[in-house]
């Protein structure tokens, strides 16, 4: 009994001291300022993400719903969003922050980790589904907010990133643009919501994202890969092919031709649809004159341009819908 009383007494004293300490220091304690970097919050959202069921039926239903080929199924899809409420909540708050620095390790060139990209794709799609769900419930404002947050996230995804980030951003932004277009054409957005969407579109680059910037980062990474320490060994390890002498690392003359091609391709990704196609046809001849090893590490400028124009078309369609309704 004495032992029990002593333990209880000690615990009571400890609790009292803790209370007094918190009370005495409460007025002086200040929390540190919260981060302005949205990427840190997105990382938290990725960590809390619970992947949707992998069975074929659910995956097909998710894709059909995203593309508008299936109506919202609350019974089948609602539980997926409910399970990710925490992750989606962090995601939503992150889109309100002013900065986004993903902390990419540029010095590691092709070895730099982009492990978060697949989870970014999944979370972005779940957020688009969140908007679809809200619209199905008649909550048009919540739906518009979700889709605009998705557009903002897709643009932020390209910050400091290479072409892969641009392609994923295009993939995740398109459904939000298309759903906003569909609901605008149906007359489901009021004037305030249409202005909200219009303002967001005006703030975006003309092509939805800055494709030239992603190409510039792609080129810088390729150049560093070809010219960096042990370039030939790294090239052979990555491609499984022997590096061509004079290409990896390139001679000064080869490097100049490589840089000129990259710069012209980048500039083309800021031109009109017709002009870009004509210029890229001419640039293809220039690309074929580069060393084989250099050609192997350059993505297709034509396919990049096609992705750019697809996103631009979706953005233009939404702007046209807003003007006509």
C-alpha atoms as a PDB file:
ATOM      1  CA  UNK A   1       0.000   0.000   0.000  1.00  0.00           C
ATOM      2  CA  UNK A   2       2.803   2.446   0.937  1.00  0.00           C
ATOM      3  CA  UNK A   3       4.567   1.728  -2.322  1.00  0.00           C
ATOM      4  CA  UNK A   4       1.389   2.395  -4.305  1.00  0.00           C
ATOM      5  CA  UNK A   5       0.760   5.683  -2.498  1.00  0.00           C
ATOM      6  CA  UNK A   6       4.315   6.795  -3.092  1.00  0.00           C
ATOM      7  CA  UNK A   7       4.041   6.115  -6.821  1.00  0.00           C
ATOM      8  CA  UNK A   8       0.735   7.943  -7.024  1.00  0.00           C
ATOM      9  CA  UNK A   9       2.149  10.868  -5.078  1.00  0.00           C
ATOM     10  CA  UNK A  10       5.145  11.131  -7.361  1.00  0.00           C
ATOM     11  CA  UNK A  11       2.932  11.058 -10.418  1.00  0.00           C
ATOM     12  CA  UNK A  12       0.692  13.778  -8.981  1.00  0.00           C
ATOM     13  CA  UNK A  13       3.673  16.010  -8.234  1.00  0.00           C
ATOM     14  CA  UNK A  14       5.085  15.447 -11.708  1.00  0.00           C
ATOM     15  CA  UNK A  15       1.795  16.360 -13.369  1.00  0.00           C
ATOM     16  CA  UNK A  16       1.497  19.480 -11.187  1.00  0.00           C
ATOM     17  CA  UNK A  17       5.035  20.602 -12.070  1.00  0.00           C
ATOM     18  CA  UNK A  18       4.380  20.104 -15.766  1.00  0.00           C
ATOM     19  CA  UNK A  19       1.191  22.134 -15.523  1.00  0.00           C
ATOM     20  CA  UNK A  20       2.977  24.944 -13.699  1.00  0.00           C
ATOM     21  CA  UNK A  21       5.789  24.947 -16.244  1.00  0.00           C
ATOM     22  CA  UNK A  22       3.399  25.137 -19.204  1.00  0.00           C
ATOM     23  CA  UNK A  23       1.366  27.856 -17.477  1.00  0.00           C
ATOM     24  CA  UNK A  24       4.432  29.938 -16.595  1.00  0.00           C
ATOM     25  CA  UNK A  25       5.956  29.679 -20.057  1.00  0.00           C
ATOM     26  CA  UNK A  26       2.763  29.944 -22.088  1.00  0.00           C
ATOM     27  CA  UNK A  27       2.898  33.691 -22.532  1.00  0.00           C
ATOM     28  CA  UNK A  28       6.518  33.576 -23.702  1.00  0.00           C
ATOM     29  CA  UNK A  29       6.414  30.539 -25.994  1.00  0.00           C
ATOM     30  CA  UNK A  30       5.994  31.258 -29.697  1.00  0.00           C
ATOM     31  CA  UNK A  31       5.572  28.726 -32.440  1.00  0.00           C
ATOM     32  CA  UNK A  32       8.026  29.021 -35.312  1.00  0.00           C
ATOM     33  CA  UNK A  33       6.599  30.427 -38.561  1.00  0.00           C
ATOM     34  CA  UNK A  34       5.015  27.830 -40.802  1.00  0.00           C
ATOM     35  CA  UNK A  35       6.681  26.971 -44.088  1.00  0.00           C
ATOM     36  CA  UNK A  36       5.959  28.941 -47.242  1.00  0.00           C
ATOM     37  CA  UNK A  37       7.221  26.021 -49.328  1.00  0.00           C
ATOM     38  CA  UNK A  38       4.281  24.030 -50.689  1.00  0.00           C
ATOM     39  CA  UNK A  39       6.567  21.130 -51.671  1.00  0.00           C
ATOM     40  CA  UNK A  40       7.157  20.260 -48.011  1.00  0.00           C
ATOM     41  CA  UNK A  41       3.421  19.979 -47.465  1.00  0.00           C
ATOM     42  CA  UNK A  42       2.955  17.969 -50.633  1.00  0.00           C
ATOM     43  CA  UNK A  43       5.557  15.521 -49.309  1.00  0.00           C
ATOM     44  CA  UNK A  44       3.397  15.116 -46.176  1.00  0.00           C
ATOM     45  CA  UNK A  45       0.364  14.532 -48.369  1.00  0.00           C
ATOM     46  CA  UNK A  46       2.247  11.879 -50.347  1.00  0.00           C
ATOM     47  CA  UNK A  47       3.258  10.175 -47.100  1.00  0.00           C
ATOM     48  CA  UNK A  48      -0.370  10.027 -45.931  1.00  0.00           C
ATOM     49  CA  UNK A  49      -1.593   8.750 -49.301  1.00  0.00           C
ATOM     50  CA  UNK A  50      -3.380   5.413 -49.379  1.00  0.00           C
ATOM     51  CA  UNK A  51      -3.276   3.973 -52.872  1.00  0.00           C
ATOM     52  CA  UNK A  52      -6.607   2.976 -54.469  1.00  0.00           C
ATOM     53  CA  UNK A  53      -7.394  -0.700 -54.816  1.00  0.00           C
ATOM     54  CA  UNK A  54      -5.342  -2.288 -57.560  1.00  0.00           C
ATOM     55  CA  UNK A  55      -8.045  -4.617 -58.898  1.00  0.00           C
ATOM     56  CA  UNK A  56      -8.798  -4.186 -62.582  1.00  0.00           C
ATOM     57  CA  UNK A  57     -12.443  -3.180 -62.140  1.00  0.00           C
ATOM     58  CA  UNK A  58     -11.677  -0.358 -59.709  1.00  0.00           C
ATOM     59  CA  UNK A  59      -8.808   0.953 -61.813  1.00  0.00           C
ATOM     60  CA  UNK A  60     -10.946   0.956 -64.953  1.00  0.00           C
ATOM     61  CA  UNK A  61     -13.804   2.678 -63.118  1.00  0.00           C
ATOM     62  CA  UNK A  62     -11.437   5.338 -61.791  1.00  0.00           C
ATOM     63  CA  UNK A  63     -10.109   6.034 -65.267  1.00  0.00           C
ATOM     64  CA  UNK A  64     -13.542   6.079 -66.896  1.00  0.00           C
ATOM     65  CA  UNK A  65     -14.830   8.456 -64.233  1.00  0.00           C
ATOM     66  CA  UNK A  66     -11.842  10.785 -64.650  1.00  0.00           C
ATOM     67  CA  UNK A  67     -12.348  10.893 -68.414  1.00  0.00           C
ATOM     68  CA  UNK A  68     -16.099  11.465 -68.097  1.00  0.00           C
ATOM     69  CA  UNK A  69     -17.039   8.090 -69.572  1.00  0.00           C
ATOM     70  CA  UNK A  70     -18.677   6.887 -66.344  1.00  0.00           C
ATOM     71  CA  UNK A  71     -20.911   8.627 -63.825  1.00  0.00           C
ATOM     72  CA  UNK A  72     -19.760   9.134 -60.259  1.00  0.00           C
ATOM     73  CA  UNK A  73     -20.272   5.938 -58.211  1.00  0.00           C
ATOM     74  CA  UNK A  74     -20.398   6.892 -54.543  1.00  0.00           C
ATOM     75  CA  UNK A  75     -20.592   3.316 -53.340  1.00  0.00           C
ATOM     76  CA  UNK A  76     -17.500   2.183 -55.259  1.00  0.00           C
ATOM     77  CA  UNK A  77     -15.352   5.323 -55.279  1.00  0.00           C
ATOM     78  CA  UNK A  78     -16.498   7.274 -52.232  1.00  0.00           C
ATOM     79  CA  UNK A  79     -14.584   5.050 -49.765  1.00  0.00           C
ATOM     80  CA  UNK A  80     -11.339   5.662 -51.699  1.00  0.00           C
ATOM     81  CA  UNK A  81     -11.624   9.411 -51.202  1.00  0.00           C
ATOM     82  CA  UNK A  82     -12.733   8.977 -47.593  1.00  0.00           C
ATOM     83  CA  UNK A  83      -9.634   6.893 -46.891  1.00  0.00           C
ATOM     84  CA  UNK A  84      -7.506   9.723 -48.309  1.00  0.00           C
ATOM     85  CA  UNK A  85      -9.245  12.587 -46.546  1.00  0.00           C
ATOM     86  CA  UNK A  86      -6.116  13.440 -44.555  1.00  0.00           C
ATOM     87  CA  UNK A  87      -3.877  13.414 -47.623  1.00  0.00           C
ATOM     88  CA  UNK A  88      -6.310  15.491 -49.679  1.00  0.00           C
ATOM     89  CA  UNK A  89      -6.678  17.978 -46.836  1.00  0.00           C
ATOM     90  CA  UNK A  90      -2.912  18.517 -46.669  1.00  0.00           C
ATOM     91  CA  UNK A  91      -2.856  18.802 -50.468  1.00  0.00           C
ATOM     92  CA  UNK A  92      -5.579  21.458 -50.426  1.00  0.00           C
ATOM     93  CA  UNK A  93      -3.786  23.555 -47.808  1.00  0.00           C
ATOM     94  CA  UNK A  94      -0.467  23.204 -49.642  1.00  0.00           C
ATOM     95  CA  UNK A  95      -1.907  24.789 -52.786  1.00  0.00           C
ATOM     96  CA  UNK A  96      -2.440  28.007 -50.802  1.00  0.00           C
ATOM     97  CA  UNK A  97       1.296  28.446 -50.067  1.00  0.00           C
ATOM     98  CA  UNK A  98       3.250  30.916 -52.234  1.00  0.00           C
ATOM     99  CA  UNK A  99       6.459  28.960 -52.990  1.00  0.00           C
ATOM    100  CA  UNK A 100       7.277  25.484 -54.231  1.00  0.00           C
ATOM    101  CA  UNK A 101      10.835  24.139 -54.196  1.00  0.00           C
ATOM    102  CA  UNK A 102      11.064  20.373 -54.630  1.00  0.00           C
ATOM    103  CA  UNK A 103      14.693  20.255 -53.513  1.00  0.00           C
ATOM    104  CA  UNK A 104      15.943  18.368 -56.563  1.00  0.00           C
ATOM    105  CA  UNK A 105      19.592  17.260 -56.459  1.00  0.00           C
ATOM    106  CA  UNK A 106      20.734  18.661 -59.782  1.00  0.00           C
ATOM    107  CA  UNK A 107      24.349  17.713 -59.121  1.00  0.00           C
ATOM    108  CA  UNK A 108      23.458  14.019 -59.410  1.00  0.00           C
ATOM    109  CA  UNK A 109      22.150  14.433 -63.005  1.00  0.00           C
ATOM    110  CA  UNK A 110      20.366  11.201 -64.049  1.00  0.00           C
ATOM    111  CA  UNK A 111      20.766   9.736 -60.540  1.00  0.00           C
ATOM    112  CA  UNK A 112      18.681  12.531 -58.982  1.00  0.00           C
ATOM    113  CA  UNK A 113      15.623  11.068 -57.266  1.00  0.00           C
ATOM    114  CA  UNK A 114      12.170  11.800 -58.657  1.00  0.00           C
ATOM    115  CA  UNK A 115      10.544   9.141 -56.491  1.00  0.00           C
ATOM    116  CA  UNK A 116       7.656  11.395 -55.541  1.00  0.00           C
ATOM    117  CA  UNK A 117       6.418  11.794 -59.127  1.00  0.00           C
ATOM    118  CA  UNK A 118       4.279   8.598 -59.218  1.00  0.00           C
ATOM    119  CA  UNK A 119       2.608   9.545 -55.920  1.00  0.00           C
ATOM    120  CA  UNK A 120       2.072  13.074 -57.202  1.00  0.00           C
ATOM    121  CA  UNK A 121       0.232  11.597 -60.179  1.00  0.00           C
ATOM    122  CA  UNK A 122      -2.006   9.446 -57.963  1.00  0.00           C
ATOM    123  CA  UNK A 123      -2.830  12.241 -55.534  1.00  0.00           C
ATOM    124  CA  UNK A 124      -3.603  14.670 -58.361  1.00  0.00           C
ATOM    125  CA  UNK A 125      -6.074  12.198 -59.848  1.00  0.00           C
ATOM    126  CA  UNK A 126      -7.739  11.656 -56.484  1.00  0.00           C
ATOM    127  CA  UNK A 127      -8.118  15.410 -56.161  1.00  0.00           C
ATOM    128  CA  UNK A 128      -9.797  15.573 -59.578  1.00  0.00           C
ATOM    129  CA  UNK A 129     -12.161  12.826 -58.410  1.00  0.00           C
ATOM    130  CA  UNK A 130     -12.866  14.929 -55.325  1.00  0.00           C
ATOM    131  CA  UNK A 131     -14.154  17.648 -57.622  1.00  0.00           C
ATOM    132  CA  UNK A 132     -16.270  15.159 -59.579  1.00  0.00           C
ATOM    133  CA  UNK A 133     -17.767  13.885 -56.340  1.00  0.00           C
ATOM    134  CA  UNK A 134     -18.600  17.386 -55.124  1.00  0.00           C
ATOM    135  CA  UNK A 135     -20.274  18.274 -58.421  1.00  0.00           C
ATOM    136  CA  UNK A 136     -22.295  15.049 -58.291  1.00  0.00           C
ATOM    137  CA  UNK A 137     -23.543  16.165 -54.874  1.00  0.00           C
ATOM    138  CA  UNK A 138     -24.469  19.579 -56.248  1.00  0.00           C
ATOM    139  CA  UNK A 139     -21.611  21.395 -54.517  1.00  0.00           C
ATOM    140  CA  UNK A 140     -20.387  23.329 -57.551  1.00  0.00           C
ATOM    141  CA  UNK A 141     -18.158  25.720 -55.594  1.00  0.00           C
ATOM    142  CA  UNK A 142     -16.323  22.889 -53.851  1.00  0.00           C
ATOM    143  CA  UNK A 143     -15.895  21.168 -57.231  1.00  0.00           C
ATOM    144  CA  UNK A 144     -14.486  24.304 -58.884  1.00  0.00           C
ATOM    145  CA  UNK A 145     -12.125  24.856 -55.958  1.00  0.00           C
ATOM    146  CA  UNK A 146     -10.817  21.288 -56.190  1.00  0.00           C
ATOM    147  CA  UNK A 147     -10.207  21.445 -59.935  1.00  0.00           C
ATOM    148  CA  UNK A 148      -8.473  24.816 -59.713  1.00  0.00           C
ATOM    149  CA  UNK A 149      -6.285  23.511 -56.897  1.00  0.00           C
ATOM    150  CA  UNK A 150      -5.402  20.600 -59.160  1.00  0.00           C
ATOM    151  CA  UNK A 151      -4.409  22.970 -61.958  1.00  0.00           C
ATOM    152  CA  UNK A 152      -2.256  24.976 -59.565  1.00  0.00           C
ATOM    153  CA  UNK A 153      -0.547  21.822 -58.302  1.00  0.00           C
ATOM    154  CA  UNK A 154       0.205  20.622 -61.827  1.00  0.00           C
ATOM    155  CA  UNK A 155       1.896  23.901 -62.665  1.00  0.00           C
ATOM    156  CA  UNK A 156       3.893  23.791 -59.419  1.00  0.00           C
ATOM    157  CA  UNK A 157       4.981  20.251 -60.221  1.00  0.00           C
ATOM    158  CA  UNK A 158       7.159  21.616 -63.026  1.00  0.00           C
ATOM    159  CA  UNK A 159       9.061  24.058 -60.790  1.00  0.00           C
ATOM    160  CA  UNK A 160      12.751  23.458 -61.484  1.00  0.00           C
ATOM    161  CA  UNK A 161      11.914  20.143 -63.129  1.00  0.00           C
ATOM    162  CA  UNK A 162      12.887  18.520 -66.407  1.00  0.00           C
ATOM    163  CA  UNK A 163      10.629  17.222 -69.159  1.00  0.00           C
ATOM    164  CA  UNK A 164       9.248  14.270 -67.175  1.00  0.00           C
ATOM    165  CA  UNK A 165       7.722  16.762 -64.757  1.00  0.00           C
ATOM    166  CA  UNK A 166       6.138  18.624 -67.641  1.00  0.00           C
ATOM    167  CA  UNK A 167       4.622  15.466 -69.086  1.00  0.00           C
ATOM    168  CA  UNK A 168       3.181  14.431 -65.715  1.00  0.00           C
ATOM    169  CA  UNK A 169       1.886  17.974 -65.181  1.00  0.00           C
ATOM    170  CA  UNK A 170       0.139  17.817 -68.552  1.00  0.00           C
ATOM    171  CA  UNK A 171      -1.388  14.453 -67.660  1.00  0.00           C
ATOM    172  CA  UNK A 172      -2.721  15.708 -64.315  1.00  0.00           C
ATOM    173  CA  UNK A 173      -3.831  19.173 -65.474  1.00  0.00           C
ATOM    174  CA  UNK A 174      -5.848  18.045 -68.506  1.00  0.00           C
ATOM    175  CA  UNK A 175      -8.713  16.327 -66.605  1.00  0.00           C
ATOM    176  CA  UNK A 176      -9.255  19.422 -64.444  1.00  0.00           C
ATOM    177  CA  UNK A 177      -9.447  21.655 -67.521  1.00  0.00           C
ATOM    178  CA  UNK A 178     -11.778  19.234 -69.272  1.00  0.00           C
ATOM    179  CA  UNK A 179     -14.135  18.891 -66.308  1.00  0.00           C
ATOM    180  CA  UNK A 180     -14.322  22.650 -65.895  1.00  0.00           C
ATOM    181  CA  UNK A 181     -15.112  22.927 -69.614  1.00  0.00           C
ATOM    182  CA  UNK A 182     -17.843  20.284 -69.396  1.00  0.00           C
ATOM    183  CA  UNK A 183     -19.530  21.815 -66.362  1.00  0.00           C
ATOM    184  CA  UNK A 184     -19.265  25.326 -67.832  1.00  0.00           C
ATOM    185  CA  UNK A 185     -20.964  24.173 -71.028  1.00  0.00           C
ATOM    186  CA  UNK A 186     -23.707  22.562 -68.947  1.00  0.00           C
ATOM    187  CA  UNK A 187     -24.335  25.882 -67.222  1.00  0.00           C
ATOM    188  CA  UNK A 188     -23.375  24.569 -63.783  1.00  0.00           C
ATOM    189  CA  UNK A 189     -20.983  27.443 -62.949  1.00  0.00           C
ATOM    190  CA  UNK A 190     -22.298  30.811 -61.815  1.00  0.00           C
ATOM    191  CA  UNK A 191     -20.727  34.143 -62.803  1.00  0.00           C
ATOM    192  CA  UNK A 192     -18.546  34.307 -59.707  1.00  0.00           C
ATOM    193  CA  UNK A 193     -17.162  30.828 -60.351  1.00  0.00           C
ATOM    194  CA  UNK A 194     -16.538  31.576 -64.031  1.00  0.00           C
ATOM    195  CA  UNK A 195     -14.573  34.667 -63.067  1.00  0.00           C
ATOM    196  CA  UNK A 196     -12.627  32.581 -60.557  1.00  0.00           C
ATOM    197  CA  UNK A 197     -11.690  30.127 -63.312  1.00  0.00           C
ATOM    198  CA  UNK A 198     -10.893  32.914 -65.772  1.00  0.00           C
ATOM    199  CA  UNK A 199      -8.517  34.572 -63.321  1.00  0.00           C
ATOM    200  CA  UNK A 200      -6.634  31.300 -62.773  1.00  0.00           C
ATOM    201  CA  UNK A 201      -6.292  30.707 -66.514  1.00  0.00           C
ATOM    202  CA  UNK A 202      -4.956  34.219 -67.058  1.00  0.00           C
ATOM    203  CA  UNK A 203      -2.241  33.575 -64.479  1.00  0.00           C
ATOM    204  CA  UNK A 204      -1.084  30.408 -66.272  1.00  0.00           C
ATOM    205  CA  UNK A 205       1.516  30.392 -69.062  1.00  0.00           C
ATOM    206  CA  UNK A 206      -0.066  30.461 -72.517  1.00  0.00           C
ATOM    207  CA  UNK A 207       0.564  26.740 -72.976  1.00  0.00           C
ATOM    208  CA  UNK A 208      -0.599  25.790 -69.484  1.00  0.00           C
ATOM    209  CA  UNK A 209       2.937  25.225 -68.240  1.00  0.00           C
ATOM    210  CA  UNK A 210       6.329  26.559 -69.315  1.00  0.00           C
ATOM    211  CA  UNK A 211       7.445  23.807 -71.665  1.00  0.00           C
ATOM    212  CA  UNK A 212      10.551  25.738 -72.652  1.00  0.00           C
ATOM    213  CA  UNK A 213      11.710  25.740 -69.040  1.00  0.00           C
ATOM    214  CA  UNK A 214      11.275  21.964 -68.714  1.00  0.00           C
ATOM    215  CA  UNK A 215      13.205  21.459 -71.965  1.00  0.00           C
ATOM    216  CA  UNK A 216      15.978  23.757 -70.725  1.00  0.00           C
ATOM    217  CA  UNK A 217      16.332  21.667 -67.566  1.00  0.00           C
ATOM    218  CA  UNK A 218      16.271  18.498 -69.639  1.00  0.00           C
ATOM    219  CA  UNK A 219      19.053  19.834 -71.840  1.00  0.00           C
ATOM    220  CA  UNK A 220      21.137  21.032 -68.891  1.00  0.00           C
ATOM    221  CA  UNK A 221      20.870  17.600 -67.288  1.00  0.00           C
ATOM    222  CA  UNK A 222      21.810  15.847 -70.534  1.00  0.00           C
ATOM    223  CA  UNK A 223      24.813  18.100 -71.032  1.00  0.00           C
ATOM    224  CA  UNK A 224      26.001  17.510 -67.482  1.00  0.00           C
ATOM    225  CA  UNK A 225      25.567  13.773 -67.947  1.00  0.00           C
ATOM    226  CA  UNK A 226      27.626  13.763 -71.147  1.00  0.00           C
ATOM    227  CA  UNK A 227      30.415  16.018 -69.907  1.00  0.00           C
ATOM    228  CA  UNK A 228      30.668  15.213 -66.198  1.00  0.00           C
ATOM    229  CA  UNK A 229      33.225  13.020 -64.390  1.00  0.00           C
ATOM    230  CA  UNK A 230      33.354   9.443 -65.653  1.00  0.00           C
ATOM    231  CA  UNK A 231      30.816  10.350 -68.332  1.00  0.00           C
ATOM    232  CA  UNK A 232      31.647   7.379 -70.574  1.00  0.00           C
ATOM    233  CA  UNK A 233      31.315   4.855 -67.739  1.00  0.00           C
ATOM    234  CA  UNK A 234      28.014   6.340 -66.588  1.00  0.00           C
ATOM    235  CA  UNK A 235      26.686   6.386 -70.132  1.00  0.00           C
ATOM    236  CA  UNK A 236      27.524   2.727 -70.655  1.00  0.00           C
ATOM    237  CA  UNK A 237      25.990   1.778 -67.299  1.00  0.00           C
ATOM    238  CA  UNK A 238      22.739   3.604 -68.095  1.00  0.00           C
ATOM    239  CA  UNK A 239      22.297   2.611 -71.740  1.00  0.00           C
ATOM    240  CA  UNK A 240      24.109  -0.719 -71.866  1.00  0.00           C
ATOM    241  CA  UNK A 241      25.943   0.528 -74.956  1.00  0.00           C
ATOM    242  CA  UNK A 242      29.527   1.590 -75.464  1.00  0.00           C
ATOM    243  CA  UNK A 243      30.074   5.333 -75.487  1.00  0.00           C
ATOM    244  CA  UNK A 244      31.252   6.656 -78.853  1.00  0.00           C
ATOM    245  CA  UNK A 245      34.635   8.329 -78.594  1.00  0.00           C
ATOM    246  CA  UNK A 246      34.353  12.047 -79.208  1.00  0.00           C
ATOM    247  CA  UNK A 247      30.697  11.967 -78.181  1.00  0.00           C
ATOM    248  CA  UNK A 248      30.969  11.059 -74.504  1.00  0.00           C
ATOM    249  CA  UNK A 249      32.475  13.315 -73.470  1.00  0.00           C
ATOM    250  CA  UNK A 250      31.863  15.402 -76.593  1.00  0.00           C
ATOM    251  CA  UNK A 251      34.542  17.386 -78.352  1.00  0.00           C
ATOM    252  CA  UNK A 252      34.177  21.183 -78.112  1.00  0.00           C
ATOM    253  CA  UNK A 253      32.755  21.220 -81.637  1.00  0.00           C
ATOM    254  CA  UNK A 254      30.241  18.463 -80.868  1.00  0.00           C
ATOM    255  CA  UNK A 255      29.216  20.146 -77.627  1.00  0.00           C
ATOM    256  CA  UNK A 256      28.563  23.396 -79.488  1.00  0.00           C
ATOM    257  CA  UNK A 257      26.311  21.640 -82.017  1.00  0.00           C
ATOM    258  CA  UNK A 258      24.507  19.870 -79.168  1.00  0.00           C
ATOM    259  CA  UNK A 259      23.898  23.139 -77.316  1.00  0.00           C
ATOM    260  CA  UNK A 260      22.689  24.892 -80.467  1.00  0.00           C
ATOM    261  CA  UNK A 261      20.149  22.154 -81.138  1.00  0.00           C
ATOM    262  CA  UNK A 262      18.834  22.244 -77.576  1.00  0.00           C
ATOM    263  CA  UNK A 263      18.518  26.047 -77.617  1.00  0.00           C
ATOM    264  CA  UNK A 264      16.598  26.054 -80.909  1.00  0.00           C
ATOM    265  CA  UNK A 265      14.291  23.261 -79.795  1.00  0.00           C
ATOM    266  CA  UNK A 266      13.578  25.128 -76.571  1.00  0.00           C
ATOM    267  CA  UNK A 267      12.741  28.325 -78.473  1.00  0.00           C
ATOM    268  CA  UNK A 268      10.374  26.388 -80.713  1.00  0.00           C
ATOM    269  CA  UNK A 269       8.292  25.352 -77.698  1.00  0.00           C
ATOM    270  CA  UNK A 270       7.213  28.976 -77.298  1.00  0.00           C
ATOM    271  CA  UNK A 271       5.890  29.414 -80.853  1.00  0.00           C
ATOM    272  CA  UNK A 272       2.495  28.864 -82.480  1.00  0.00           C
ATOM    273  CA  UNK A 273       1.238  25.433 -83.503  1.00  0.00           C
ATOM    274  CA  UNK A 274       1.949  25.882 -87.217  1.00  0.00           C
ATOM    275  CA  UNK A 275       5.328  27.545 -86.758  1.00  0.00           C
ATOM    276  CA  UNK A 276       6.500  24.980 -84.188  1.00  0.00           C
ATOM    277  CA  UNK A 277       5.726  22.060 -86.483  1.00  0.00           C
ATOM    278  CA  UNK A 278       7.595  23.618 -89.399  1.00  0.00           C
ATOM    279  CA  UNK A 279      10.609  24.525 -87.276  1.00  0.00           C
ATOM    280  CA  UNK A 280      10.774  21.096 -85.654  1.00  0.00           C
ATOM    281  CA  UNK A 281      10.794  19.399 -89.057  1.00  0.00           C
ATOM    282  CA  UNK A 282      13.857  21.444 -89.977  1.00  0.00           C
ATOM    283  CA  UNK A 283      15.442  20.791 -86.579  1.00  0.00           C
ATOM    284  CA  UNK A 284      15.063  17.042 -87.040  1.00  0.00           C
ATOM    285  CA  UNK A 285      17.719  17.152 -89.756  1.00  0.00           C
ATOM    286  CA  UNK A 286      19.973  19.029 -87.362  1.00  0.00           C
ATOM    287  CA  UNK A 287      19.363  16.444 -84.637  1.00  0.00           C
ATOM    288  CA  UNK A 288      20.313  13.580 -86.950  1.00  0.00           C
ATOM    289  CA  UNK A 289      23.735  15.166 -87.467  1.00  0.00           C
ATOM    290  CA  UNK A 290      24.560  14.952 -83.775  1.00  0.00           C
ATOM    291  CA  UNK A 291      26.612  12.112 -82.311  1.00  0.00           C
ATOM    292  CA  UNK A 292      24.587   8.910 -81.752  1.00  0.00           C
ATOM    293  CA  UNK A 293      25.295   9.063 -78.024  1.00  0.00           C
ATOM    294  CA  UNK A 294      23.941  12.608 -77.877  1.00  0.00           C
ATOM    295  CA  UNK A 295      20.834  11.671 -79.830  1.00  0.00           C
ATOM    296  CA  UNK A 296      20.201   8.825 -77.386  1.00  0.00           C
ATOM    297  CA  UNK A 297      19.865  11.143 -74.385  1.00  0.00           C
ATOM    298  CA  UNK A 298      17.662  13.761 -76.087  1.00  0.00           C
ATOM    299  CA  UNK A 299      13.880  13.289 -75.793  1.00  0.00           C
ATOM    300  CA  UNK A 300      11.726  13.737 -78.866  1.00  0.00           C
ATOM    301  CA  UNK A 301      11.078  17.422 -79.482  1.00  0.00           C
ATOM    302  CA  UNK A 302       8.144  16.507 -81.743  1.00  0.00           C
ATOM    303  CA  UNK A 303       6.414  14.460 -79.033  1.00  0.00           C
ATOM    304  CA  UNK A 304       7.096  17.198 -76.507  1.00  0.00           C
ATOM    305  CA  UNK A 305       5.459  19.676 -78.846  1.00  0.00           C
ATOM    306  CA  UNK A 306       2.466  17.384 -79.344  1.00  0.00           C
ATOM    307  CA  UNK A 307       1.947  17.216 -75.570  1.00  0.00           C
ATOM    308  CA  UNK A 308       2.286  20.996 -75.357  1.00  0.00           C
ATOM    309  CA  UNK A 309      -0.350  21.535 -78.043  1.00  0.00           C
ATOM    310  CA  UNK A 310      -2.760  19.049 -76.452  1.00  0.00           C
ATOM    311  CA  UNK A 311      -2.620  20.937 -73.167  1.00  0.00           C
ATOM    312  CA  UNK A 312      -2.926  24.279 -74.929  1.00  0.00           C
ATOM    313  CA  UNK A 313      -5.997  23.022 -76.829  1.00  0.00           C
ATOM    314  CA  UNK A 314      -7.655  21.943 -73.585  1.00  0.00           C
ATOM    315  CA  UNK A 315      -6.926  25.337 -72.024  1.00  0.00           C
ATOM    316  CA  UNK A 316      -8.258  27.171 -75.088  1.00  0.00           C
ATOM    317  CA  UNK A 317     -11.427  25.052 -75.047  1.00  0.00           C
ATOM    318  CA  UNK A 318     -12.114  26.076 -71.454  1.00  0.00           C
ATOM    319  CA  UNK A 319     -11.539  29.735 -72.260  1.00  0.00           C
ATOM    320  CA  UNK A 320     -13.925  29.436 -75.205  1.00  0.00           C
ATOM    321  CA  UNK A 321     -16.569  27.815 -72.988  1.00  0.00           C
ATOM    322  CA  UNK A 322     -16.238  30.611 -70.429  1.00  0.00           C
ATOM    323  CA  UNK A 323     -16.699  33.266 -73.116  1.00  0.00           C
ATOM    324  CA  UNK A 324     -19.723  31.528 -74.619  1.00  0.00           C
ATOM    325  CA  UNK A 325     -21.683  30.797 -71.440  1.00  0.00           C
END
